[in-house]
Protein backbone atom coordinates (compact mmCIF):
# COMPACT_ATOMS: atom_id res chain seq x y z
CA MET A 1 0.01 0.12 -0.12
CA LEU A 2 1.18 3.52 -0.95
CA MET A 3 -0.41 5.13 2.03
CA LYS A 4 2.03 6.46 4.53
CA TYR A 5 1.01 7.47 8.24
CA ALA A 6 2.32 10.18 10.42
CA HIS A 7 1.65 11.28 13.91
CA HIS A 8 2.65 14.45 15.82
CA PHE A 9 2.64 14.97 19.43
CA HIS A 10 2.52 18.30 20.96
CA ALA A 11 4.08 18.64 24.59
CA TYR A 12 3.39 21.57 26.74
CA GLN A 13 3.09 22.42 30.45
CA PRO A 14 2.67 26.18 31.69
CA GLY A 15 4.11 25.43 35.09
CA ASP A 16 2.59 26.09 38.48
CA ILE A 17 4.35 29.42 39.37
CA VAL A 18 2.75 31.30 42.09
CA HIS A 19 5.60 33.89 42.83
CA VAL A 20 8.84 34.68 40.98
CA LYS A 21 11.75 35.44 43.35
CA ASP A 22 13.70 38.61 42.88
CA GLY A 23 16.96 38.55 40.82
CA ASP A 24 19.36 40.76 38.93
CA GLY A 25 19.00 39.03 35.51
CA SER A 26 22.40 37.31 35.56
CA ARG A 27 20.99 33.85 36.45
CA PRO A 28 17.84 31.83 35.39
CA LEU A 29 14.63 32.51 37.11
CA GLU A 30 13.96 31.21 40.66
CA TYR A 31 10.30 30.95 41.68
CA GLU A 32 7.92 29.59 44.34
CA GLU A 33 5.73 26.78 42.99
CA ARG A 34 2.19 25.83 43.70
CA ARG A 35 1.91 22.97 46.40
CA SER A 36 -1.33 21.29 45.49
CA PRO A 37 -0.70 17.38 45.48
CA VAL A 38 -2.24 15.29 42.90
CA ALA A 39 -1.84 11.90 41.40
CA ILE A 40 -2.67 10.31 37.97
CA ARG A 41 -2.56 6.68 36.92
CA ILE A 42 -0.62 5.32 33.92
CA ARG A 43 -0.81 1.62 33.00
CA GLY A 44 -2.22 1.06 36.71
CA GLU A 45 0.75 2.79 38.28
CA GLU A 46 0.07 5.91 40.37
CA VAL A 47 2.25 8.90 39.53
CA LYS A 48 2.20 11.61 42.13
CA GLY A 49 3.33 15.25 41.99
CA GLU A 50 3.49 18.35 44.36
CA ASN A 51 1.48 19.88 41.75
CA TRP A 52 -0.11 19.24 38.28
CA THR A 53 2.91 20.25 36.53
CA ARG A 54 5.15 17.96 38.36
CA ALA A 55 2.87 15.03 38.11
CA MET A 56 2.63 15.50 34.16
CA LEU A 57 6.46 15.89 34.01
CA TYR A 58 7.07 12.63 35.92
CA SER A 59 4.72 10.89 33.55
CA TYR A 60 6.99 11.69 30.64
CA GLU A 61 9.35 8.94 31.81
CA HIS A 62 6.69 6.42 30.68
CA ILE A 63 5.97 8.12 27.70
CA ALA A 64 9.49 8.38 26.37
CA ASP A 65 9.77 4.63 27.07
CA THR A 66 6.94 3.67 24.76
CA LEU A 67 7.76 6.28 21.98
CA SER A 68 11.35 5.06 21.79
CA ARG A 69 10.07 2.19 20.10
CA MET A 70 8.19 4.04 17.43
CA GLU A 71 8.67 5.07 13.84
CA GLY A 72 7.21 7.89 11.90
CA VAL A 73 6.54 10.05 15.09
CA SER A 74 7.57 13.77 15.28
CA ILE A 75 7.47 15.76 18.78
CA ASP A 76 7.58 19.31 19.86
CA ILE A 77 8.19 20.20 23.34
CA GLU A 78 7.65 23.77 24.25
CA PRO A 79 10.97 25.13 25.70
CA PHE A 80 9.91 26.11 29.12
CA THR A 81 8.48 22.78 29.51
CA PHE A 82 11.73 21.22 28.40
CA LEU A 83 13.59 23.61 30.92
CA MET A 84 11.42 22.16 33.67
CA LEU A 85 11.90 18.67 32.77
CA LEU A 86 15.59 19.20 33.16
CA ARG A 87 15.22 20.82 36.38
CA TYR A 88 12.81 18.33 38.00
CA ARG A 89 13.36 15.06 36.19
CA ARG A 90 17.03 15.03 34.70
CA ARG A 91 16.79 11.26 33.69
CA ALA A 92 13.48 11.77 31.90
CA PHE A 93 15.00 15.11 30.04
CA GLU A 94 18.02 12.92 28.81
CA ASP A 95 15.86 10.09 27.62
CA THR A 96 13.64 12.60 25.81
CA VAL A 97 16.69 14.36 24.16
CA GLU A 98 17.83 11.07 22.79
CA LEU A 99 14.27 10.50 21.47
CA LEU A 100 14.08 13.60 19.75
CA GLN A 101 17.56 13.36 18.23
CA ARG A 102 16.37 10.03 16.78
CA PHE A 103 12.83 11.38 15.57
CA ASP A 104 11.88 14.44 14.08
CA ALA A 105 12.12 17.20 16.61
CA VAL A 106 9.94 20.02 15.71
CA PRO A 107 10.74 23.55 16.84
CA THR A 108 8.06 25.53 18.58
CA THR A 109 7.36 28.89 20.08
CA PRO A 110 8.69 29.30 23.56
CA PHE A 111 6.19 30.21 26.35
CA HIS A 112 3.12 28.98 24.22
CA PRO A 113 1.54 32.20 23.31
CA ILE A 114 -1.11 32.76 20.70
CA VAL A 115 1.60 33.98 18.38
CA PRO A 116 -0.58 36.26 15.91
CA HIS A 117 -2.04 37.99 18.79
CA LEU A 118 1.57 39.31 19.66
CA ASP A 119 3.36 42.31 18.17
CA GLU A 120 5.62 41.59 15.44
CA PHE A 121 8.65 42.62 17.48
CA GLU A 122 7.79 39.75 19.84
CA GLN A 123 6.95 37.33 17.10
CA ARG A 124 10.49 38.09 15.61
CA ILE A 125 12.24 37.42 18.95
CA LEU A 126 10.39 34.20 19.77
CA ALA A 127 10.92 32.72 16.13
CA ARG A 128 14.70 33.41 16.44
CA VAL A 129 14.82 31.77 19.88
CA SER A 130 12.76 28.72 18.85
CA PHE A 131 15.26 27.89 16.16
CA ASP A 132 18.19 28.67 18.50
CA PHE A 133 16.75 26.42 21.22
CA TYR A 134 16.12 23.57 18.88
CA ALA A 135 19.61 23.84 17.15
CA PRO A 136 20.95 20.91 19.04
CA LEU A 137 18.07 18.71 18.30
CA ILE A 138 17.32 19.22 14.54
CA GLY A 139 20.85 18.71 13.31
CA LYS A 140 21.49 19.49 9.74
CA LYS A 141 18.02 18.33 8.23
CA SER A 142 17.15 20.59 5.33
CA VAL A 143 13.40 19.98 5.93
CA ILE A 144 11.89 20.60 9.40
CA GLY A 145 8.63 21.11 10.93
CA TYR A 146 7.37 23.99 12.92
CA TRP A 147 4.51 23.78 15.38
CA LEU A 148 2.77 27.27 16.16
CA PRO A 149 0.73 27.13 19.71
CA GLU A 150 -2.70 25.89 19.25
CA ALA A 151 -1.82 26.12 15.47
CA VAL A 152 -3.01 29.69 15.22
CA ILE A 153 -1.35 31.01 12.15
CA THR A 154 -1.54 33.96 9.77
CA ARG A 155 0.25 34.53 6.57
CA LYS A 156 2.49 37.28 8.31
CA THR A 157 3.39 35.01 11.38
CA ALA A 158 4.40 32.31 8.83
CA GLU A 159 6.62 34.87 7.04
CA ILE A 160 8.31 35.98 10.35
CA VAL A 161 9.10 32.30 11.18
CA GLU A 162 10.36 31.66 7.73
CA SER A 163 12.70 34.55 7.69
CA SER A 164 14.19 33.30 11.01
CA THR A 165 15.70 30.21 9.52
CA ASP A 166 17.28 28.92 6.20
CA ARG A 167 15.71 25.42 6.57
CA ARG A 168 12.53 24.46 4.48
CA LEU A 169 9.54 24.33 6.81
CA VAL A 170 6.70 22.27 7.15
CA PHE A 171 3.92 23.92 9.25
CA LEU A 172 1.66 21.19 11.04
CA LEU A 173 -1.77 22.49 11.04
CA ASP A 174 -5.53 20.98 11.17
CA GLU A 175 -7.38 20.13 7.94
CA ARG A 176 -10.19 22.73 9.09
CA GLN A 177 -7.64 25.47 8.61
CA LEU A 178 -6.82 24.44 4.90
CA LEU A 179 -8.74 25.90 2.15
CA TYR A 180 -8.78 23.13 -0.65
CA ASP A 181 -8.97 24.33 -4.10
CA PHE A 182 -8.83 20.73 -5.78
CA PRO A 183 -9.30 17.31 -4.24
CA GLN A 184 -5.86 15.87 -5.25
CA ALA A 185 -4.32 18.09 -2.83
CA LYS A 186 -5.57 16.21 0.05
CA HIS A 187 -2.71 14.03 1.72
CA SER A 188 -0.26 15.50 -0.85
CA CYS A 189 2.84 17.62 -0.31
CA ASN A 190 1.38 21.30 -0.55
CA ARG A 191 3.13 24.52 -0.54
CA TYR A 192 2.16 27.52 1.79
CA SER A 193 3.99 30.74 1.55
CA ASN A 194 7.77 29.70 1.08
CA SER A 195 7.17 26.56 3.12
CA PHE A 196 4.88 23.50 3.06
CA VAL A 197 1.79 22.49 5.18
CA PHE A 198 0.18 19.35 6.48
CA GLY A 199 -3.42 19.45 8.11
CA ARG A 200 -4.12 16.67 10.60
CA GLU A 201 -7.09 14.56 10.20
CA TRP A 202 -9.09 16.01 13.04
CA SER A 203 -11.66 13.47 13.63
CA LEU A 204 -9.27 10.53 13.60
CA SER A 205 -6.96 12.47 16.01
CA ASP A 206 -10.00 13.09 18.33
CA ALA A 207 -10.95 9.62 18.28
CA PHE A 208 -7.85 8.51 19.75
CA ALA A 209 -7.29 11.42 22.03
CA PHE A 210 -10.89 11.22 23.58
CA ASN A 211 -11.35 7.37 23.21
CA THR A 212 -14.31 7.37 20.96
CA LEU A 213 -12.95 4.50 18.87
CA ASP A 214 -11.29 1.39 19.96
CA VAL A 215 -8.17 0.08 18.37
CA PRO A 216 -9.71 -2.01 15.65
CA GLY A 217 -11.98 1.11 14.92
CA LEU A 218 -8.78 3.52 14.77
CA VAL A 219 -7.20 1.02 12.29
CA GLU A 220 -10.21 0.79 9.98
CA ARG A 221 -10.93 4.68 10.14
CA THR A 222 -7.18 5.22 9.19
CA LEU A 223 -7.40 2.71 6.16
CA SER A 224 -10.81 4.51 5.19
CA TYR A 225 -8.54 7.37 3.94
CA ARG A 226 -7.03 5.11 1.15
CA ASP A 227 -6.80 6.97 -2.22
CA ASP A 228 -7.45 4.50 -4.95
CA HIS A 229 -6.49 7.09 -7.74
CA LYS A 230 -3.03 7.75 -6.15
CA GLU A 231 -2.60 4.06 -5.37
CA ASN A 232 -3.28 3.05 -9.14
CA LEU A 233 -0.75 5.90 -10.12
CA GLY A 234 1.87 4.75 -7.86
CA ILE A 235 1.86 7.91 -5.80
CA PRO A 236 2.74 7.90 -2.06
CA TYR A 237 0.39 9.96 0.09
CA LEU A 238 0.19 10.69 3.78
CA VAL A 239 -2.35 10.44 6.29
CA PHE A 240 -1.48 12.81 9.24
CA THR A 241 -2.83 13.02 12.73
CA ALA A 242 -1.61 15.02 15.85
CA SER A 243 -2.52 15.25 19.57
CA ASP A 244 -1.21 16.62 22.84
CA LEU A 245 1.38 14.45 24.26
CA GLU A 246 -0.86 14.47 27.36
CA SER A 247 -3.38 12.47 25.37
CA LEU A 248 -1.26 9.47 26.02
CA LEU A 249 -2.51 10.00 29.73
CA GLY A 250 -6.07 10.22 29.13
CA ASN A 251 -6.55 6.71 30.83
CA PRO A 252 -4.20 4.14 32.13
CA LYS A 253 -4.32 1.99 29.03
CA GLN A 254 -3.83 5.02 26.50
CA LEU A 255 -0.25 4.16 25.90
CA ASP A 256 -1.03 0.75 25.04
CA ARG A 257 -3.95 1.80 22.72
CA PHE A 258 -1.43 4.07 20.81
CA THR A 259 0.95 1.31 20.19
CA ALA A 260 -1.50 -1.20 19.42
CA TRP A 261 -3.04 1.29 16.80
CA MET A 262 0.43 1.84 15.21
CA ASP A 263 1.11 -2.04 15.21
CA GLY A 264 -2.34 -2.74 13.58
CA LEU A 265 -1.41 -0.22 10.71
CA GLU A 266 2.09 -1.68 10.11
CA GLY A 267 0.40 -5.30 9.97
CA ARG A 268 -1.89 -3.73 7.09
CA GLY A 269 1.13 -2.62 5.24
CA VAL A 270 1.09 1.10 6.20
CA GLU A 271 4.56 2.66 6.52
CA ARG A 272 5.13 5.18 9.07
CA VAL A 273 6.97 8.42 8.14
CA SER A 274 7.01 11.85 9.55
CA ALA A 275 5.37 14.69 7.66
CA MET A 276 8.86 16.22 7.28
CA GLU A 277 10.30 12.92 6.05
CA PHE A 278 7.57 12.72 3.46
CA VAL A 279 7.96 16.18 2.21
CA ALA A 280 11.71 15.66 1.83
CA LYS A 281 11.26 12.32 0.05
CA LYS A 282 8.84 14.22 -2.43
CA LEU A 283 11.48 16.89 -3.00
CA SER A 284 14.23 14.34 -3.43
CA GLY A 285 12.40 12.17 -6.08
CA GLU A 286 12.32 8.97 -3.76
CA PHE A 287 8.62 9.38 -3.50
CA ARG A 288 6.90 9.82 -6.91
CA ARG A 289 5.08 13.17 -7.15
CA LEU A 290 1.73 13.99 -8.89
CA ASP A 291 2.23 16.60 -11.62
CA GLY A 292 2.72 19.87 -9.79
CA GLU A 293 3.01 18.24 -6.45
CA CYS A 294 4.96 20.20 -3.75
CA SER A 295 4.18 23.16 -5.94
CA PHE A 296 0.45 23.18 -5.25
CA GLU A 297 -0.38 26.31 -3.10
CA MET A 298 -2.44 25.57 -0.25
CA PRO A 299 -4.33 28.66 1.09
CA VAL A 300 -4.73 28.54 4.94
CA LYS A 301 -7.37 30.77 6.78
CA ASP A 302 -5.69 33.37 8.77
CA TYR A 303 -6.32 33.09 12.68
CA SER A 304 -7.50 29.66 12.33
CA SER A 305 -6.44 27.01 14.86
CA TRP A 306 -6.64 23.35 15.69
CA SER A 307 -8.66 23.55 18.95
CA ASP A 308 -11.38 26.09 18.53
CA TYR A 309 -14.99 25.84 19.40
CA PHE A 310 -15.97 24.29 16.18
CA ASP A 311 -19.70 24.55 16.88
CA LEU A 312 -19.50 28.21 16.49
CA SER A 313 -18.00 28.01 13.03
CA LEU A 314 -20.11 29.77 10.30
CA ASP A 315 -17.94 28.46 7.42
CA GLY A 316 -16.82 24.89 8.41
CA LYS A 317 -13.26 26.34 9.40
CA THR A 318 -11.74 27.03 12.67
CA SER A 319 -10.76 30.31 13.96
CA ASP A 320 -9.21 31.77 17.34
CA SER A 321 -12.72 32.71 18.83
CA ARG A 322 -11.92 30.45 21.83
CA TRP A 323 -9.25 32.85 22.94
CA LEU A 324 -10.86 35.92 22.04
CA GLY A 325 -14.30 35.31 23.90
CA TYR A 326 -16.05 36.51 20.77
CA ARG A 327 -16.76 35.08 17.30
CA ARG A 328 -14.16 36.58 15.06
CA ALA A 329 -16.48 36.23 12.03
CA ASP A 330 -19.39 38.69 13.43
CA GLY A 331 -17.77 39.95 16.75
CA ARG A 332 -20.55 38.28 18.95
CA VAL A 333 -19.70 37.32 22.47
CA PHE A 334 -20.67 33.90 23.60
CA ALA A 335 -20.98 31.71 26.56
CA ARG A 336 -19.68 28.19 27.25
CA GLU A 337 -20.55 25.53 29.94
CA ALA A 338 -18.03 24.67 32.66
CA ARG A 339 -18.85 22.84 35.75
CA GLY A 340 -22.45 22.56 35.13
CA LYS A 341 -23.40 26.36 34.33
CA ARG A 342 -23.13 28.65 31.28
CA ILE A 343 -20.38 31.14 31.69
CA SER A 344 -20.01 34.30 29.51
CA GLN A 345 -16.65 34.34 27.69
CA LEU A 346 -16.71 38.19 28.02
CA TRP A 347 -13.72 37.87 30.67
CA LYS A 348 -11.53 36.64 27.63
CA VAL A 349 -12.17 39.92 25.74
CA ALA A 350 -10.89 41.93 28.66
CA PHE A 351 -8.14 39.56 29.47
CA THR A 352 -6.86 39.64 26.03
CA ARG A 353 -7.01 43.49 25.52
CA LEU A 354 -5.45 44.03 28.98
CA PHE A 355 -2.51 41.92 28.21
CA GLU A 356 -2.05 43.60 24.99
CA GLU A 357 -1.63 46.83 26.72
CA LEU A 358 0.63 45.37 29.37
CA ASN A 359 2.97 43.76 26.79
CA ARG A 360 3.09 46.99 25.03
CA ALA A 361 4.00 49.00 28.35
CA VAL A 362 6.72 46.44 29.26
CA ARG A 363 8.03 46.55 25.50
CA LEU A 364 8.19 50.12 25.61
CA GLY A 365 10.07 50.23 29.04
CA VAL A 366 12.54 47.46 27.92
CA LEU A 367 13.26 49.18 24.65
CA ARG A 368 13.70 52.53 26.39
CA GLY A 369 16.10 51.24 28.82
CA LEU A 370 18.22 49.42 26.17
CA ALA A 371 18.27 52.57 23.96
CA GLU A 372 19.75 54.53 26.86
CA LEU A 373 22.51 51.73 26.91
CA ASN A 374 22.88 52.19 23.24
CA ALA A 375 22.09 48.52 22.87
CA ARG A 376 20.95 46.55 19.83
CA PRO A 377 17.73 45.48 21.33
CA GLU A 378 16.55 42.53 19.13
CA GLU A 379 20.05 40.91 18.98
CA PHE A 380 20.30 41.36 22.94
CA LEU A 381 16.81 39.89 23.59
CA VAL A 382 17.54 36.86 21.41
CA ARG A 383 20.74 36.26 23.08
CA TYR A 384 19.04 36.54 26.72
CA ALA A 385 17.77 33.05 25.92
CA ARG A 386 20.95 31.80 26.85
CA VAL A 387 20.48 33.16 30.41
CA PHE A 388 16.92 32.06 30.59
CA PHE A 389 17.47 28.72 29.54
CA ARG A 390 20.82 28.48 30.63
CA ASP A 391 20.79 24.99 32.13
CA TYR A 392 19.61 23.61 28.87
CA TYR A 393 22.28 25.45 26.61
CA ASP A 394 24.86 24.30 29.17
CA HIS A 395 23.69 20.69 28.70
CA PHE A 396 24.61 20.75 24.96
CA GLY A 397 27.92 22.83 25.61
CA LEU A 398 26.63 26.00 24.04
CA GLU A 399 27.80 29.63 24.66
CA THR A 400 26.09 31.08 27.71
CA SER A 401 29.00 33.40 28.90
CA MET A 402 28.11 36.97 29.77
CA ASP A 403 30.56 38.44 27.32
CA TYR A 404 28.37 36.58 24.58
CA VAL A 405 24.95 37.63 25.93
CA LEU A 406 25.90 41.24 26.65
CA GLU A 407 27.92 42.01 23.55
CA PRO A 408 24.95 43.62 21.82
CA ALA A 409 24.59 45.80 25.02
CA ASN A 410 28.20 46.82 24.91
CA GLY A 411 28.93 44.65 27.98
CA ASP A 412 26.56 46.80 30.31
CA GLU A 413 25.27 44.70 33.09
CA LYS A 414 22.09 46.96 33.60
CA ALA A 415 20.89 45.26 30.23
CA LEU A 416 20.52 42.05 32.32
CA ARG A 417 17.69 43.36 34.42
CA LEU A 418 15.85 44.47 31.15
CA GLY A 419 16.14 41.17 29.56
CA ARG A 420 14.85 39.50 32.67
CA ILE A 421 11.92 41.78 32.78
CA TYR A 422 11.25 41.15 28.97
CA TYR A 423 11.34 37.37 29.39
CA LEU A 424 9.04 37.64 32.42
CA MET A 425 6.54 39.49 30.15
CA LEU A 426 6.93 36.68 27.45
CA LEU A 427 6.59 33.89 30.05
CA ALA A 428 3.17 35.68 31.14
CA ASN A 429 1.51 35.11 27.84
CA HIS A 430 0.80 31.43 28.00
CA SER A 431 -2.36 30.71 25.93
CA CYS A 432 -3.85 28.37 28.37
CA PRO A 433 -5.94 30.77 30.58
CA ARG A 434 -8.12 31.76 27.59
CA PHE A 435 -8.32 28.15 26.49
CA TRP A 436 -10.44 27.22 29.32
CA GLU A 437 -14.01 28.36 29.98
CA ASN A 438 -13.60 29.54 33.71
CA LEU A 439 -11.27 32.40 34.59
CA ASP A 440 -10.35 31.20 38.11
CA THR A 441 -7.61 28.89 37.12
CA ARG A 442 -4.06 28.05 38.24
CA VAL A 443 -2.96 29.13 34.80
CA ALA A 444 -4.67 32.52 34.81
CA PHE A 445 -3.13 33.11 38.16
CA GLY A 446 0.36 32.01 36.83
CA ASN A 447 0.14 34.61 34.03
CA VAL A 448 -1.06 37.51 36.18
CA SER A 449 1.56 36.73 38.79
CA VAL A 450 4.53 36.83 36.38
CA MET A 451 3.17 39.89 34.57
CA ALA A 452 2.76 41.60 37.82
CA LYS A 453 6.41 40.92 38.87
CA ALA A 454 7.60 42.36 35.47
CA LEU A 455 5.65 45.61 36.05
CA ILE A 456 6.92 45.88 39.54
CA GLU A 457 10.58 45.37 38.51
CA LEU A 458 10.04 48.14 35.90
CA MET A 459 8.85 50.37 38.49
CA ARG A 460 11.97 49.92 40.52
CA TYR A 461 14.24 50.16 37.36
CA PHE A 462 12.59 53.53 36.27
CA ASP A 463 12.42 54.82 39.96
CA GLY A 464 12.56 58.60 39.83
CA SER A 465 11.74 58.66 35.95
CA GLU A 466 8.54 59.86 34.45
CA LEU A 467 8.11 56.53 32.93
CA GLN A 468 7.45 55.01 36.50
CA GLY A 469 3.90 56.29 36.44
CA LEU A 470 3.02 54.16 33.23
CA PHE A 471 4.05 50.78 34.86
CA ILE A 472 2.12 51.82 37.99
CA GLU A 473 -0.95 52.61 36.00
CA ALA A 474 -0.60 49.11 34.26
CA TYR A 475 -0.32 47.43 37.52
CA LEU A 476 -3.34 49.03 38.78
CA LYS A 477 -5.33 47.83 35.73
CA LEU A 478 -4.48 44.41 37.14
CA LEU A 479 -5.60 45.12 40.31
CA SER A 480 -8.80 46.56 39.22
CA PHE A 481 -9.88 44.05 36.62
CA ASP A 482 -13.40 44.01 37.68
CA LYS A 483 -13.73 47.57 36.68
CA LEU A 484 -12.86 47.22 33.17
CA TYR A 485 -16.16 46.30 32.13
CA HIS A 486 -17.31 49.91 32.49
CA LEU A 487 -13.81 51.35 31.40
CA TRP A 488 -14.00 49.64 28.11
CA ASN A 489 -17.89 49.75 27.66
CA LEU A 490 -17.95 45.93 27.16
CA SER A 491 -21.60 46.03 27.62
CA ALA A 492 -21.79 47.74 23.95
CA MET A 493 -20.34 44.28 22.57
CA PRO A 494 -22.96 42.29 20.55
CA PRO A 495 -24.04 39.25 22.57
CA LEU A 496 -24.77 35.76 20.74
CA GLU A 497 -27.79 34.83 22.80
CA GLY A 498 -28.77 38.19 24.30
CA TRP A 499 -27.29 38.11 27.69
CA GLU A 500 -23.55 37.32 27.49
CA THR A 501 -22.49 41.14 27.77
CA SER A 502 -24.67 42.14 30.68
CA ARG A 503 -23.18 43.13 33.89
CA ARG A 504 -24.67 40.27 35.61
CA ALA A 505 -22.72 37.95 33.19
CA TRP A 506 -19.47 39.69 33.73
CA GLU A 507 -19.84 39.55 37.51
CA GLU A 508 -20.85 35.97 37.40
CA ALA A 509 -17.77 35.07 35.13
CA LEU A 510 -15.37 36.77 37.69
CA LYS A 511 -16.65 35.27 40.82
CA PRO A 512 -13.81 33.54 42.79
CA GLU A 513 -14.12 29.92 43.07
CA VAL A 514 -12.22 29.50 46.50
CA PRO A 515 -13.69 30.03 49.90
CA ASN A 516 -10.94 32.12 51.30
CA SER A 517 -10.90 35.28 48.89
CA GLY A 518 -13.58 37.69 47.67
CA TYR A 519 -11.41 38.90 44.99
CA ASN A 520 -11.33 37.64 41.46
CA VAL A 521 -8.26 35.77 40.36
CA VAL A 522 -6.68 38.64 38.37
CA THR A 523 -6.82 40.98 41.25
CA ARG A 524 -5.92 38.12 43.78
CA ALA A 525 -2.77 37.30 41.76
CA ALA A 526 -1.61 40.63 41.37
CA LEU A 527 -2.27 41.57 45.00
CA TYR A 528 -0.59 38.35 45.98
CA VAL A 529 2.85 39.62 44.21
CA GLY A 530 2.37 43.13 45.32
CA LYS A 531 1.95 42.03 49.07
CA ARG A 532 5.55 40.51 48.77
CA ASP A 533 7.39 42.98 46.60
CA LEU A 534 5.95 46.32 46.70
CA ARG A 535 7.92 48.45 49.23
CA GLY A 536 8.31 51.99 50.50
CA GLU A 537 5.67 54.53 48.89
CA LEU A 538 4.63 51.91 46.15
CA ARG A 539 3.06 49.75 48.85
CA ASP A 540 0.49 52.45 49.16
CA LEU A 541 -1.01 51.04 45.90
CA ILE A 542 -2.36 48.06 47.71
CA GLY A 543 -2.98 49.88 51.04
CA HIS A 544 -7.01 49.80 50.80
CA TYR A 545 -7.07 46.11 49.83
CA ASN A 546 -7.65 43.26 52.19
CA LEU A 547 -4.30 41.47 52.07
CA ASP A 548 -5.82 38.42 53.78
CA TRP A 549 -7.62 37.61 50.46
CA ALA A 550 -4.42 37.88 48.60
CA VAL A 551 -4.16 33.82 48.42
CA ALA A 552 -2.74 31.73 45.69
CA ASP A 553 -5.77 29.23 45.74
CA THR A 554 -7.97 29.09 42.50
CA GLY A 555 -10.41 26.72 41.07
CA HIS A 556 -9.71 23.72 39.29
CA ILE A 557 -9.22 23.38 35.46
CA PRO A 558 -12.19 21.32 34.03
CA GLY A 559 -9.71 19.22 31.92
CA GLU A 560 -7.77 18.32 35.14
CA VAL A 561 -10.57 17.27 37.66
CA HIS A 562 -9.90 13.43 36.71
CA GLY A 563 -6.69 13.64 38.60
CA ASP A 564 -6.81 12.40 42.13
CA TRP A 565 -6.28 15.71 43.98
CA GLU A 566 -5.62 15.79 47.96
CA ASN A 567 -8.14 18.81 47.72
CA PRO A 568 -10.69 18.08 44.95
CA GLU A 569 -12.81 21.23 45.88
CA TRP A 570 -10.26 23.88 44.73
CA CYS A 571 -6.70 24.19 43.58
CA GLU A 572 -4.98 25.18 46.64
CA HIS A 573 -1.53 26.39 47.53
CA ARG A 574 -0.20 25.20 50.78
CA GLU A 575 1.94 27.99 52.14
């Protein structure tokens, strides 16, 4: 059979940071982690962690052992996730490095933001860092993959990524993002911008991830994509699926289901090759091509994704509405169900806009500071990754000296504080708070906590400068998140069903899910950091708040309630 098959795993954990400790920027971050013990089961074995992140990272040992026996698998691991794996589970890190060097390691954007939602300056920094970080893993391969977080893409974002490398790229997407012009393009080598693109078979991918088909069903569904036309012409074609690496932990037997599925395909004569290997073999002539194949231009819908609320689609394609809180096609704010009730997603509108403003404030401060040092800002901020991810780069023997990092800043050590602040801002842009339906989650707390730290450090850096007021104002917006409904006139946005933009809907969405605080999670996290870090006159900013309510406890994430939590009622932080 000329059908080929590829599966991609995406690995990402945002971490469980509750507070970043002080530092001068010369060393990697040190931080306090959430203490909320939880256990999960894999193949009947209980894996325990001090928090959800630790439990997931510990489970990677089991996953690496299984995947080491596979072929045709590609993997991306978000860089901060990889760094945590090195810190907390070095043996699993070393096994994973060996695995990635054997398979197709796929570069991905650090910190897992929704990349097209960022300013183009941040997009350039992150694209360059992604290739620098993955350089030890991708070797000299001429064709490599690229994974954008949540697969959210625009033509401009793709061009920025392409401009950051001399390799041929394959963007790994979802078939619902592709705009097919002719049927023979399906499962073929298709061009997008100056790269190539593959869209996963989403229904088959989800059938595995969410256990809606047994192993024989998965095998038969895969074989149903047989293309008799290409078979008769002798043209190899590729069926591509993808899922989160954590989908292997969906139940204790999920790892065994995946290996049995792969074995079943192999037994039916289906060869496994990665999407990148497939494209490389098409380009080299090892795999025969259709006339014009690898020259077909595959249009891709801007701002589409692999995990949107597909039931809201008006055109049969995905979008980024999930992270916006409103449907991009018509601007209507919608509601979703979580934990047995309908929750307006209007909070995502405010959260998105607020972080755009905060990113802009941090960028302005960092660039102003670097300009005063006559630094080359983009080059310095790319090189600062060698400080932030130092342990990782040291593992591969790559340059991490201060001379190297500070060369674009003329050796001025003041730049290190600015680099640290900028990377705190990047770290605060994880996509996952806006992925979930409820605001009060550990991941929302983490983003706000880290952003608050960045703003407070800018207040200190620009102490006595007129710029300090900008960062104070930005921090106050975090504290007064509940007031943004009126400040930004959010009630004027059109609702989908008629109630989602009402004041009551807003207040219900912001309600705390913990018994020991009356503040919403954004205010709570900003206050938690301020209580520890604001000093002198700056402490007056929080003087009228109830500091007893400045706790790091949050509600549980709906997708994590299957864990065996010591506290199943809320995601606590044991001080």
